[in-house]
Amino acid sequence: MSAAIQFIRGVDEEVIPDVRLTRAVDGSTGRAIFVFENPDIVQEGKLNVTGMYLLDEEGELSTIDVNAKFINGKPHAIEANYDMKSEEDWDRFMRFMNRYAESHGLGFSKS
C-alpha cells in the first residue's frame, strides 16, 4: 500500500500539499501544517470534510483540525494541522511522510 491523504474516506487527495513542520526544542511535541491549494475536494465542490486521514501500511493518522480558506467567497485552499504529542508520534508521522514522499516522487528540504 502506498501512502495517501484523504479528506473523504476512500477518496485519495491527488493535490500535493505544502507541509511545514515545527517541533519543540526538547522534541516532546510538534506540529505539521498542511496547505492544499485548490485541492480536488474544493474543485469538485465537496466541502463535507470531517477530517484529514493519513494512510499507509502501518495504519491511519488523523486530525479534525481542518479549515477551508476562501477568496472572494469561494473555497480556495484547505489547511490542516496535525499535532504530535510525543517523540513516538513524531517518529510515526515522519515514517508516514517518508512513505508519502517516496510514493509521490517528492523530496524534503530543511529551511
PDB file of N, CA and C in Angstrom:
ATOM      1  N   MET A   1       0.849  -1.197   0.000  1.00  0.00           N
ATOM      2  CA  MET A   1       0.000   0.000   0.000  1.00  0.00           C
ATOM      3  C   MET A   1       0.879   1.239   0.000  1.00  0.00           C
ATOM      4  N   SER A   2       0.614   2.143  -0.918  1.00  0.00           N
ATOM      5  CA  SER A   2       1.343   3.407  -0.902  1.00  0.00           C
ATOM      6  C   SER A   2       0.646   4.360   0.076  1.00  0.00           C
ATOM      7  N   ALA A   3       1.364   5.380   0.494  1.00  0.00           N
ATOM      8  CA  ALA A   3       0.811   6.347   1.434  1.00  0.00           C
ATOM      9  C   ALA A   3      -0.139   7.293   0.707  1.00  0.00           C
ATOM     10  N   ALA A   4      -1.223   7.661   1.384  1.00  0.00           N
ATOM     11  CA  ALA A   4      -2.224   8.542   0.785  1.00  0.00           C
ATOM     12  C   ALA A   4      -2.787   9.478   1.845  1.00  0.00           C
ATOM     13  N   ILE A   5      -3.315  10.604   1.372  1.00  0.00           N
ATOM     14  CA  ILE A   5      -4.024  11.556   2.221  1.00  0.00           C
ATOM     15  C   ILE A   5      -5.458  11.619   1.711  1.00  0.00           C
ATOM     16  N   GLN A   6      -6.402  11.570   2.646  1.00  0.00           N
ATOM     17  CA  GLN A   6      -7.820  11.642   2.292  1.00  0.00           C
ATOM     18  C   GLN A   6      -8.522  12.659   3.179  1.00  0.00           C
ATOM     19  N   PHE A   7      -9.503  13.343   2.600  1.00  0.00           N
ATOM     20  CA  PHE A   7     -10.410  14.194   3.373  1.00  0.00           C
ATOM     21  C   PHE A   7     -11.761  13.518   3.489  1.00  0.00           C
ATOM     22  N   ILE A   8     -12.080  12.726   2.497  1.00  0.00           N
ATOM     23  CA  ILE A   8     -13.296  11.915   2.491  1.00  0.00           C
ATOM     24  C   ILE A   8     -12.816  10.476   2.428  1.00  0.00           C
ATOM     25  N   ARG A   9     -13.217   9.679   3.393  1.00  0.00           N
ATOM     26  CA  ARG A   9     -12.726   8.300   3.453  1.00  0.00           C
ATOM     27  C   ARG A   9     -12.955   7.575   2.125  1.00  0.00           C
ATOM     28  N   GLY A  10     -11.893   6.931   1.648  1.00  0.00           N
ATOM     29  CA  GLY A  10     -11.975   6.172   0.416  1.00  0.00           C
ATOM     30  C   GLY A  10     -11.628   6.966  -0.834  1.00  0.00           C
ATOM     31  N   VAL A  11     -11.426   8.298  -0.689  1.00  0.00           N
ATOM     32  CA  VAL A  11     -11.120   9.149  -1.853  1.00  0.00           C
ATOM     33  C   VAL A  11      -9.767   9.824  -1.614  1.00  0.00           C
ATOM     34  N   ASP A  12      -8.731   9.360  -2.315  1.00  0.00           N
ATOM     35  CA  ASP A  12      -7.395   9.939  -2.164  1.00  0.00           C
ATOM     36  C   ASP A  12      -7.355  11.354  -2.732  1.00  0.00           C
ATOM     37  N   GLU A  13      -6.707  12.247  -2.006  1.00  0.00           N
ATOM     38  CA  GLU A  13      -6.478  13.613  -2.480  1.00  0.00           C
ATOM     39  C   GLU A  13      -5.238  13.586  -3.357  1.00  0.00           C
ATOM     40  N   GLU A  14      -5.382  14.017  -4.600  1.00  0.00           N
ATOM     41  CA  GLU A  14      -4.275  13.966  -5.556  1.00  0.00           C
ATOM     42  C   GLU A  14      -3.399  15.211  -5.528  1.00  0.00           C
ATOM     43  N   VAL A  15      -3.919  16.328  -5.003  1.00  0.00           N
ATOM     44  CA  VAL A  15      -3.122  17.557  -4.922  1.00  0.00           C
ATOM     45  C   VAL A  15      -2.082  17.385  -3.805  1.00  0.00           C
ATOM     46  N   ILE A  16      -0.836  17.671  -4.144  1.00  0.00           N
ATOM     47  CA  ILE A  16       0.260  17.540  -3.184  1.00  0.00           C
ATOM     48  C   ILE A  16       0.288  18.784  -2.302  1.00  0.00           C
ATOM     49  N   PRO A  17       0.288  18.597  -0.970  1.00  0.00           N
ATOM     50  CA  PRO A  17       0.277  19.759  -0.080  1.00  0.00           C
ATOM     51  C   PRO A  17       1.667  20.339   0.153  1.00  0.00           C
ATOM     52  N   ASP A  18       1.681  21.582   0.587  1.00  0.00           N
ATOM     53  CA  ASP A  18       2.875  22.187   1.158  1.00  0.00           C
ATOM     54  C   ASP A  18       2.815  21.809   2.630  1.00  0.00           C
ATOM     55  N   VAL A  19       3.877  21.237   3.172  1.00  0.00           N
ATOM     56  CA  VAL A  19       3.873  20.800   4.565  1.00  0.00           C
ATOM     57  C   VAL A  19       4.997  21.509   5.298  1.00  0.00           C
ATOM     58  N   ARG A  20       4.634  22.179   6.397  1.00  0.00           N
ATOM     59  CA  ARG A  20       5.617  22.835   7.255  1.00  0.00           C
ATOM     60  C   ARG A  20       5.617  22.134   8.602  1.00  0.00           C
ATOM     61  N   LEU A  21       6.796  21.907   9.153  1.00  0.00           N
ATOM     62  CA  LEU A  21       6.916  21.226  10.435  1.00  0.00           C
ATOM     63  C   LEU A  21       7.505  22.148  11.481  1.00  0.00           C
ATOM     64  N   THR A  22       6.972  22.062  12.692  1.00  0.00           N
ATOM     65  CA  THR A  22       7.556  22.745  13.838  1.00  0.00           C
ATOM     66  C   THR A  22       7.723  21.704  14.929  1.00  0.00           C
ATOM     67  N   ARG A  23       8.720  21.920  15.782  1.00  0.00           N
ATOM     68  CA  ARG A  23       8.959  20.970  16.859  1.00  0.00           C
ATOM     69  C   ARG A  23       9.501  21.713  18.067  1.00  0.00           C
ATOM     70  N   ALA A  24       9.071  21.286  19.247  1.00  0.00           N
ATOM     71  CA  ALA A  24       9.573  21.882  20.482  1.00  0.00           C
ATOM     72  C   ALA A  24      11.074  21.611  20.592  1.00  0.00           C
ATOM     73  N   VAL A  25      11.789  22.500  21.252  1.00  0.00           N
ATOM     74  CA  VAL A  25      13.231  22.372  21.403  1.00  0.00           C
ATOM     75  C   VAL A  25      13.597  21.033  22.043  1.00  0.00           C
ATOM     76  N   ASP A  26      12.805  20.585  23.013  1.00  0.00           N
ATOM     77  CA  ASP A  26      13.116  19.323  23.689  1.00  0.00           C
ATOM     78  C   ASP A  26      12.588  18.104  22.923  1.00  0.00           C
ATOM     79  N   GLY A  27      11.944  18.317  21.773  1.00  0.00           N
ATOM     80  CA  GLY A  27      11.468  17.209  20.950  1.00  0.00           C
ATOM     81  C   GLY A  27      10.216  16.530  21.459  1.00  0.00           C
ATOM     82  N   SER A  28       9.594  17.105  22.485  1.00  0.00           N
ATOM     83  CA  SER A  28       8.453  16.437  23.111  1.00  0.00           C
ATOM     84  C   SER A  28       7.152  16.598  22.329  1.00  0.00           C
ATOM     85  N   THR A  29       7.017  17.675  21.580  1.00  0.00           N
ATOM     86  CA  THR A  29       5.801  17.915  20.804  1.00  0.00           C
ATOM     87  C   THR A  29       6.168  18.490  19.444  1.00  0.00           C
ATOM     88  N   GLY A  30       5.203  18.447  18.534  1.00  0.00           N
ATOM     89  CA  GLY A  30       5.437  19.004  17.219  1.00  0.00           C
ATOM     90  C   GLY A  30       4.126  19.240  16.503  1.00  0.00           C
ATOM     91  N   ARG A  31       4.199  19.917  15.376  1.00  0.00           N
ATOM     92  CA  ARG A  31       3.001  20.180  14.576  1.00  0.00           C
ATOM     93  C   ARG A  31       3.384  20.161  13.105  1.00  0.00           C
ATOM     94  N   ALA A  32       2.523  19.540  12.309  1.00  0.00           N
ATOM     95  CA  ALA A  32       2.654  19.578  10.858  1.00  0.00           C
ATOM     96  C   ALA A  32       1.490  20.396  10.334  1.00  0.00           C
ATOM     97  N   ILE A  33       1.793  21.375   9.509  1.00  0.00           N
ATOM     98  CA  ILE A  33       0.777  22.238   8.920  1.00  0.00           C
ATOM     99  C   ILE A  33       0.727  21.932   7.421  1.00  0.00           C
ATOM    100  N   PHE A  34      -0.410  21.413   6.985  1.00  0.00           N
ATOM    101  CA  PHE A  34      -0.615  21.045   5.586  1.00  0.00           C
ATOM    102  C   PHE A  34      -1.433  22.136   4.909  1.00  0.00           C
ATOM    103  N   VAL A  35      -1.001  22.595   3.744  1.00  0.00           N
ATOM    104  CA  VAL A  35      -1.774  23.556   2.951  1.00  0.00           C
ATOM    105  C   VAL A  35      -1.948  22.963   1.554  1.00  0.00           C
ATOM    106  N   PHE A  36      -3.198  22.746   1.182  1.00  0.00           N
ATOM    107  CA  PHE A  36      -3.558  22.209  -0.122  1.00  0.00           C
ATOM    108  C   PHE A  36      -4.168  23.346  -0.941  1.00  0.00           C
ATOM    109  N   GLU A  37      -3.477  23.813  -1.980  1.00  0.00           N
ATOM    110  CA  GLU A  37      -4.001  24.859  -2.862  1.00  0.00           C
ATOM    111  C   GLU A  37      -4.908  24.202  -3.901  1.00  0.00           C
ATOM    112  N   ASN A  38      -6.158  24.645  -3.986  1.00  0.00           N
ATOM    113  CA  ASN A  38      -7.144  24.099  -4.930  1.00  0.00           C
ATOM    114  C   ASN A  38      -7.190  22.568  -4.921  1.00  0.00           C
ATOM    115  N   PRO A  39      -7.421  21.964  -3.766  1.00  0.00           N
ATOM    116  CA  PRO A  39      -7.464  20.504  -3.723  1.00  0.00           C
ATOM    117  C   PRO A  39      -8.668  19.958  -4.498  1.00  0.00           C
ATOM    118  N   ASP A  40      -8.601  18.673  -4.808  1.00  0.00           N
ATOM    119  CA  ASP A  40      -9.674  18.024  -5.561  1.00  0.00           C
ATOM    120  C   ASP A  40     -11.040  18.252  -4.933  1.00  0.00           C
ATOM    121  N   ILE A  41     -11.127  18.163  -3.596  1.00  0.00           N
ATOM    122  CA  ILE A  41     -12.438  18.291  -2.958  1.00  0.00           C
ATOM    123  C   ILE A  41     -13.038  19.677  -3.147  1.00  0.00           C
ATOM    124  N   VAL A  42     -12.191  20.707  -3.220  1.00  0.00           N
ATOM    125  CA  VAL A  42     -12.678  22.067  -3.469  1.00  0.00           C
ATOM    126  C   VAL A  42     -13.105  22.189  -4.928  1.00  0.00           C
ATOM    127  N   GLN A  43     -12.295  21.659  -5.834  1.00  0.00           N
ATOM    128  CA  GLN A  43     -12.601  21.732  -7.259  1.00  0.00           C
ATOM    129  C   GLN A  43     -13.896  20.996  -7.587  1.00  0.00           C
ATOM    130  N   GLU A  44     -14.168  19.931  -6.860  1.00  0.00           N
ATOM    131  CA  GLU A  44     -15.379  19.144  -7.104  1.00  0.00           C
ATOM    132  C   GLU A  44     -16.569  19.637  -6.285  1.00  0.00           C
ATOM    133  N   GLY A  45     -16.353  20.665  -5.455  1.00  0.00           N
ATOM    134  CA  GLY A  45     -17.440  21.228  -4.661  1.00  0.00           C
ATOM    135  C   GLY A  45     -17.842  20.385  -3.453  1.00  0.00           C
ATOM    136  N   LYS A  46     -16.976  19.472  -3.059  1.00  0.00           N
ATOM    137  CA  LYS A  46     -17.269  18.610  -1.902  1.00  0.00           C
ATOM    138  C   LYS A  46     -16.626  19.219  -0.662  1.00  0.00           C
ATOM    139  N   LEU A  47     -17.419  19.906   0.101  1.00  0.00           N
ATOM    140  CA  LEU A  47     -16.877  20.530   1.305  1.00  0.00           C
ATOM    141  C   LEU A  47     -17.396  19.881   2.583  1.00  0.00           C
ATOM    142  N   ASN A  48     -17.840  18.640   2.484  1.00  0.00           N
ATOM    143  CA  ASN A  48     -18.322  17.929   3.667  1.00  0.00           C
ATOM    144  C   ASN A  48     -17.170  17.167   4.320  1.00  0.00           C
ATOM    145  N   VAL A  49     -16.084  17.879   4.581  1.00  0.00           N
ATOM    146  CA  VAL A  49     -14.880  17.300   5.157  1.00  0.00           C
ATOM    147  C   VAL A  49     -15.059  17.140   6.661  1.00  0.00           C
ATOM    148  N   THR A  50     -14.723  15.962   7.168  1.00  0.00           N
ATOM    149  CA  THR A  50     -14.819  15.720   8.609  1.00  0.00           C
ATOM    150  C   THR A  50     -13.452  15.589   9.255  1.00  0.00           C
ATOM    151  N   GLY A  51     -12.399  15.529   8.430  1.00  0.00           N
ATOM    152  CA  GLY A  51     -11.053  15.396   8.954  1.00  0.00           C
ATOM    153  C   GLY A  51     -10.072  15.144   7.837  1.00  0.00           C
ATOM    154  N   MET A  52      -8.808  14.973   8.227  1.00  0.00           N
ATOM    155  CA  MET A  52      -7.770  14.591   7.284  1.00  0.00           C
ATOM    156  C   MET A  52      -7.212  13.265   7.770  1.00  0.00           C
ATOM    157  N   TYR A  53      -7.113  12.320   6.851  1.00  0.00           N
ATOM    158  CA  TYR A  53      -6.686  10.971   7.176  1.00  0.00           C
ATOM    159  C   TYR A  53      -5.418  10.651   6.407  1.00  0.00           C
ATOM    160  N   LEU A  54      -4.369  10.297   7.134  1.00  0.00           N
ATOM    161  CA  LEU A  54      -3.079   9.954   6.549  1.00  0.00           C
ATOM    162  C   LEU A  54      -2.964   8.435   6.627  1.00  0.00           C
ATOM    163  N   LEU A  55      -2.943   7.768   5.479  1.00  0.00           N
ATOM    164  CA  LEU A  55      -2.992   6.314   5.435  1.00  0.00           C
ATOM    165  C   LEU A  55      -1.716   5.732   4.846  1.00  0.00           C
ATOM    166  N   ASP A  56      -1.204   4.694   5.492  1.00  0.00           N
ATOM    167  CA  ASP A  56      -0.064   3.952   4.957  1.00  0.00           C
ATOM    168  C   ASP A  56      -0.115   2.524   5.475  1.00  0.00           C
ATOM    169  N   GLU A  57       0.938   1.776   5.224  1.00  0.00           N
ATOM    170  CA  GLU A  57       0.948   0.364   5.594  1.00  0.00           C
ATOM    171  C   GLU A  57       0.879   0.121   7.098  1.00  0.00           C
ATOM    172  N   GLU A  58       1.218   1.122   7.910  1.00  0.00           N
ATOM    173  CA  GLU A  58       1.136   0.979   9.366  1.00  0.00           C
ATOM    174  C   GLU A  58      -0.257   1.264   9.901  1.00  0.00           C
ATOM    175  N   GLY A  59      -1.102   1.908   9.104  1.00  0.00           N
ATOM    176  CA  GLY A  59      -2.435   2.242   9.574  1.00  0.00           C
ATOM    177  C   GLY A  59      -2.827   3.662   9.217  1.00  0.00           C
ATOM    178  N   GLU A  60      -3.461   4.337  10.169  1.00  0.00           N
ATOM    179  CA  GLU A  60      -4.019   5.668   9.909  1.00  0.00           C
ATOM    180  C   GLU A  60      -3.639   6.647  11.001  1.00  0.00           C
ATOM    181  N   LEU A  61      -3.285   7.864  10.574  1.00  0.00           N
ATOM    182  CA  LEU A  61      -3.150   9.022  11.455  1.00  0.00           C
ATOM    183  C   LEU A  61      -4.268   9.962  11.042  1.00  0.00           C
ATOM    184  N   SER A  62      -4.846  10.698  11.979  1.00  0.00           N
ATOM    185  CA  SER A  62      -5.940  11.589  11.590  1.00  0.00           C
ATOM    186  C   SER A  62      -5.983  12.832  12.464  1.00  0.00           C
ATOM    187  N   THR A  63      -6.651  13.844  11.916  1.00  0.00           N
ATOM    188  CA  THR A  63      -6.887  15.089  12.641  1.00  0.00           C
ATOM    189  C   THR A  63      -8.231  15.659  12.202  1.00  0.00           C
ATOM    190  N   ILE A  64      -8.889  16.346  13.111  1.00  0.00           N
ATOM    191  CA  ILE A  64     -10.125  17.050  12.757  1.00  0.00           C
ATOM    192  C   ILE A  64      -9.888  18.557  12.664  1.00  0.00           C
ATOM    193  N   ASP A  65      -8.629  18.981  12.859  1.00  0.00           N
ATOM    194  CA  ASP A  65      -8.256  20.398  12.774  1.00  0.00           C
ATOM    195  C   ASP A  65      -8.037  20.756  11.300  1.00  0.00           C
ATOM    196  N   VAL A  66      -9.145  20.889  10.559  1.00  0.00           N
ATOM    197  CA  VAL A  66      -9.130  21.134   9.122  1.00  0.00           C
ATOM    198  C   VAL A  66      -9.996  22.350   8.831  1.00  0.00           C
ATOM    199  N   ASN A  67      -9.464  23.308   8.055  1.00  0.00           N
ATOM    200  CA  ASN A  67     -10.187  24.540   7.749  1.00  0.00           C
ATOM    201  C   ASN A  67     -10.097  24.870   6.275  1.00  0.00           C
ATOM    202  N   ALA A  68     -11.174  25.401   5.725  1.00  0.00           N
ATOM    203  CA  ALA A  68     -11.185  25.870   4.335  1.00  0.00           C
ATOM    204  C   ALA A  68     -10.786  27.336   4.316  1.00  0.00           C
ATOM    205  N   LYS A  69     -10.033  27.729   3.308  1.00  0.00           N
ATOM    206  CA  LYS A  69      -9.655  29.124   3.086  1.00  0.00           C
ATOM    207  C   LYS A  69     -10.434  29.617   1.875  1.00  0.00           C
ATOM    208  N   PHE A  70     -11.019  30.795   1.999  1.00  0.00           N
ATOM    209  CA  PHE A  70     -11.863  31.342   0.936  1.00  0.00           C
ATOM    210  C   PHE A  70     -11.248  32.612   0.354  1.00  0.00           C
ATOM    211  N   ILE A  71     -11.429  32.803  -0.958  1.00  0.00           N
ATOM    212  CA  ILE A  71     -11.058  34.041  -1.642  1.00  0.00           C
ATOM    213  C   ILE A  71     -12.291  34.495  -2.407  1.00  0.00           C
ATOM    214  N   ASN A  72     -12.734  35.723  -2.129  1.00  0.00           N
ATOM    215  CA  ASN A  72     -13.946  36.265  -2.750  1.00  0.00           C
ATOM    216  C   ASN A  72     -15.149  35.340  -2.587  1.00  0.00           C
ATOM    217  N   GLY A  73     -15.258  34.747  -1.405  1.00  0.00           N
ATOM    218  CA  GLY A  73     -16.406  33.901  -1.098  1.00  0.00           C
ATOM    219  C   GLY A  73     -16.373  32.510  -1.691  1.00  0.00           C
ATOM    220  N   LYS A  74     -15.280  32.164  -2.374  1.00  0.00           N
ATOM    221  CA  LYS A  74     -15.176  30.838  -2.985  1.00  0.00           C
ATOM    222  C   LYS A  74     -14.052  30.061  -2.314  1.00  0.00           C
ATOM    223  N   PRO A  75     -14.263  28.772  -2.044  1.00  0.00           N
ATOM    224  CA  PRO A  75     -13.202  27.980  -1.413  1.00  0.00           C
ATOM    225  C   PRO A  75     -11.984  27.902  -2.317  1.00  0.00           C
ATOM    226  N   HIS A  76     -10.828  28.079  -1.706  1.00  0.00           N
ATOM    227  CA  HIS A  76      -9.582  28.127  -2.469  1.00  0.00           C
ATOM    228  C   HIS A  76      -8.564  27.094  -1.973  1.00  0.00           C
ATOM    229  N   ALA A  77      -8.508  26.891  -0.677  1.00  0.00           N
ATOM    230  CA  ALA A  77      -7.486  26.018  -0.114  1.00  0.00           C
ATOM    231  C   ALA A  77      -8.017  25.321   1.132  1.00  0.00           C
ATOM    232  N   ILE A  78      -7.339  24.263   1.502  1.00  0.00           N
ATOM    233  CA  ILE A  78      -7.619  23.555   2.746  1.00  0.00           C
ATOM    234  C   ILE A  78      -6.344  23.591   3.574  1.00  0.00           C
ATOM    235  N   GLU A  79      -6.477  23.964   4.841  1.00  0.00           N
ATOM    236  CA  GLU A  79      -5.346  23.930   5.760  1.00  0.00           C
ATOM    237  C   GLU A  79      -5.691  22.964   6.883  1.00  0.00           C
ATOM    238  N   ALA A  80      -4.761  22.067   7.177  1.00  0.00           N
ATOM    239  CA  ALA A  80      -4.972  21.086   8.240  1.00  0.00           C
ATOM    240  C   ALA A  80      -3.742  21.046   9.131  1.00  0.00           C
ATOM    241  N   ASN A  81      -3.987  20.901  10.428  1.00  0.00           N
ATOM    242  CA  ASN A  81      -2.901  20.814  11.400  1.00  0.00           C
ATOM    243  C   ASN A  81      -2.923  19.429  12.043  1.00  0.00           C
ATOM    244  N   TYR A  82      -1.765  18.799  12.074  1.00  0.00           N
ATOM    245  CA  TYR A  82      -1.632  17.509  12.744  1.00  0.00           C
ATOM    246  C   TYR A  82      -0.651  17.687  13.887  1.00  0.00           C
ATOM    247  N   ASP A  83      -1.138  17.510  15.128  1.00  0.00           N
ATOM    248  CA  ASP A  83      -0.310  17.698  16.316  1.00  0.00           C
ATOM    249  C   ASP A  83       0.287  16.374  16.772  1.00  0.00           C
ATOM    250  N   MET A  84       1.555  16.437  17.147  1.00  0.00           N
ATOM    251  CA  MET A  84       2.264  15.279  17.676  1.00  0.00           C
ATOM    252  C   MET A  84       2.597  15.567  19.130  1.00  0.00           C
ATOM    253  N   LYS A  85       2.154  14.700  20.013  1.00  0.00           N
ATOM    254  CA  LYS A  85       2.264  14.958  21.437  1.00  0.00           C
ATOM    255  C   LYS A  85       3.408  14.203  22.120  1.00  0.00           C
ATOM    256  N   SER A  86       4.189  13.461  21.338  1.00  0.00           N
ATOM    257  CA  SER A  86       5.317  12.722  21.911  1.00  0.00           C
ATOM    258  C   SER A  86       6.351  12.452  20.827  1.00  0.00           C
ATOM    259  N   GLU A  87       7.516  12.003  21.250  1.00  0.00           N
ATOM    260  CA  GLU A  87       8.561  11.661  20.291  1.00  0.00           C
ATOM    261  C   GLU A  87       8.118  10.473  19.421  1.00  0.00           C
ATOM    262  N   GLU A  88       7.367   9.553  20.006  1.00  0.00           N
ATOM    263  CA  GLU A  88       6.851   8.405  19.249  1.00  0.00           C
ATOM    264  C   GLU A  88       5.883   8.873  18.159  1.00  0.00           C
ATOM    265  N   ASP A  89       5.010   9.857  18.489  1.00  0.00           N
ATOM    266  CA  ASP A  89       4.099  10.433  17.484  1.00  0.00           C
ATOM    267  C   ASP A  89       4.896  11.061  16.350  1.00  0.00           C
ATOM    268  N   TRP A  90       5.967  11.787  16.694  1.00  0.00           N
ATOM    269  CA  TRP A  90       6.814  12.433  15.697  1.00  0.00           C
ATOM    270  C   TRP A  90       7.433  11.378  14.774  1.00  0.00           C
ATOM    271  N   ASP A  91       7.987  10.330  15.370  1.00  0.00           N
ATOM    272  CA  ASP A  91       8.630   9.278  14.580  1.00  0.00           C
ATOM    273  C   ASP A  91       7.633   8.602  13.651  1.00  0.00           C
ATOM    274  N   ARG A  92       6.431   8.325  14.148  1.00  0.00           N
ATOM    275  CA  ARG A  92       5.400   7.688  13.328  1.00  0.00           C
ATOM    276  C   ARG A  92       5.008   8.606  12.160  1.00  0.00           C
ATOM    277  N   PHE A  93       4.825   9.900  12.451  1.00  0.00           N
ATOM    278  CA  PHE A  93       4.472  10.857  11.411  1.00  0.00           C
ATOM    279  C   PHE A  93       5.571  10.921  10.349  1.00  0.00           C
ATOM    280  N   MET A  94       6.824  10.956  10.770  1.00  0.00           N
ATOM    281  CA  MET A  94       7.929  11.032   9.812  1.00  0.00           C
ATOM    282  C   MET A  94       8.001   9.775   8.941  1.00  0.00           C
ATOM    283  N   ARG A  95       7.677   8.612   9.503  1.00  0.00           N
ATOM    284  CA  ARG A  95       7.626   7.404   8.681  1.00  0.00           C
ATOM    285  C   ARG A  95       6.542   7.538   7.617  1.00  0.00           C
ATOM    286  N   PHE A  96       5.373   8.075   8.016  1.00  0.00           N
ATOM    287  CA  PHE A  96       4.309   8.306   7.033  1.00  0.00           C
ATOM    288  C   PHE A  96       4.801   9.259   5.943  1.00  0.00           C
ATOM    289  N   MET A  97       5.392  10.391   6.340  1.00  0.00           N
ATOM    290  CA  MET A  97       5.819  11.390   5.364  1.00  0.00           C
ATOM    291  C   MET A  97       6.878  10.835   4.418  1.00  0.00           C
ATOM    292  N   ASN A  98       7.792  10.012   4.923  1.00  0.00           N
ATOM    293  CA  ASN A  98       8.791   9.397   4.049  1.00  0.00           C
ATOM    294  C   ASN A  98       8.116   8.498   3.017  1.00  0.00           C
ATOM    295  N   ARG A  99       7.133   7.720   3.437  1.00  0.00           N
ATOM    296  CA  ARG A  99       6.400   6.858   2.502  1.00  0.00           C
ATOM    297  C   ARG A  99       5.606   7.696   1.501  1.00  0.00           C
ATOM    298  N   TYR A 100       4.969   8.770   1.996  1.00  0.00           N
ATOM    299  CA  TYR A 100       4.186   9.637   1.117  1.00  0.00           C
ATOM    300  C   TYR A 100       5.098  10.280   0.074  1.00  0.00           C
ATOM    301  N   ALA A 101       6.235  10.804   0.518  1.00  0.00           N
ATOM    302  CA  ALA A 101       7.184  11.445  -0.396  1.00  0.00           C
ATOM    303  C   ALA A 101       7.688  10.441  -1.427  1.00  0.00           C
ATOM    304  N   GLU A 102       8.018   9.253  -0.979  1.00  0.00           N
ATOM    305  CA  GLU A 102       8.530   8.231  -1.894  1.00  0.00           C
ATOM    306  C   GLU A 102       7.475   7.824  -2.924  1.00  0.00           C
ATOM    307  N   SER A 103       6.240   7.649  -2.484  1.00  0.00           N
ATOM    308  CA  SER A 103       5.193   7.197  -3.404  1.00  0.00           C
ATOM    309  C   SER A 103       4.714   8.308  -4.348  1.00  0.00           C
ATOM    310  N   HIS A 104       5.048   9.574  -4.037  1.00  0.00           N
ATOM    311  CA  HIS A 104       4.633  10.688  -4.892  1.00  0.00           C
ATOM    312  C   HIS A 104       5.821  11.405  -5.546  1.00  0.00           C
ATOM    313  N   GLY A 105       7.020  10.829  -5.433  1.00  0.00           N
ATOM    314  CA  GLY A 105       8.196  11.403  -6.074  1.00  0.00           C
ATOM    315  C   GLY A 105       8.605  12.746  -5.513  1.00  0.00           C
ATOM    316  N   LEU A 106       8.495  12.913  -4.204  1.00  0.00           N
ATOM    317  CA  LEU A 106       8.799  14.190  -3.561  1.00  0.00           C
ATOM    318  C   LEU A 106      10.106  14.127  -2.788  1.00  0.00           C
ATOM    319  N   GLY A 107      10.611  15.302  -2.407  1.00  0.00           N
ATOM    320  CA  GLY A 107      11.814  15.392  -1.587  1.00  0.00           C
ATOM    321  C   GLY A 107      11.540  16.199  -0.336  1.00  0.00           C
ATOM    322  N   PHE A 108      12.558  16.292   0.510  1.00  0.00           N
ATOM    323  CA  PHE A 108      12.438  17.014   1.768  1.00  0.00           C
ATOM    324  C   PHE A 108      13.563  18.034   1.839  1.00  0.00           C
ATOM    325  N   SER A 109      13.252  19.242   2.276  1.00  0.00           N
ATOM    326  CA  SER A 109      14.313  20.241   2.455  1.00  0.00           C
ATOM    327  C   SER A 109      14.098  20.988   3.758  1.00  0.00           C
ATOM    328  N   LYS A 110      15.193  21.218   4.461  1.00  0.00           N
ATOM    329  CA  LYS A 110      15.137  21.978   5.712  1.00  0.00           C
ATOM    330  C   LYS A 110      15.224  23.457   5.383  1.00  0.00           C
ATOM    331  N   SER A 111      14.526  24.272   6.193  1.00  0.00           N
ATOM    332  CA  SER A 111      14.587  25.713   5.949  1.00  0.00           C
ATOM    333  C   SER A 111      15.729  26.325   6.721  1.00  0.00           C
TER     334      SER A 111
END
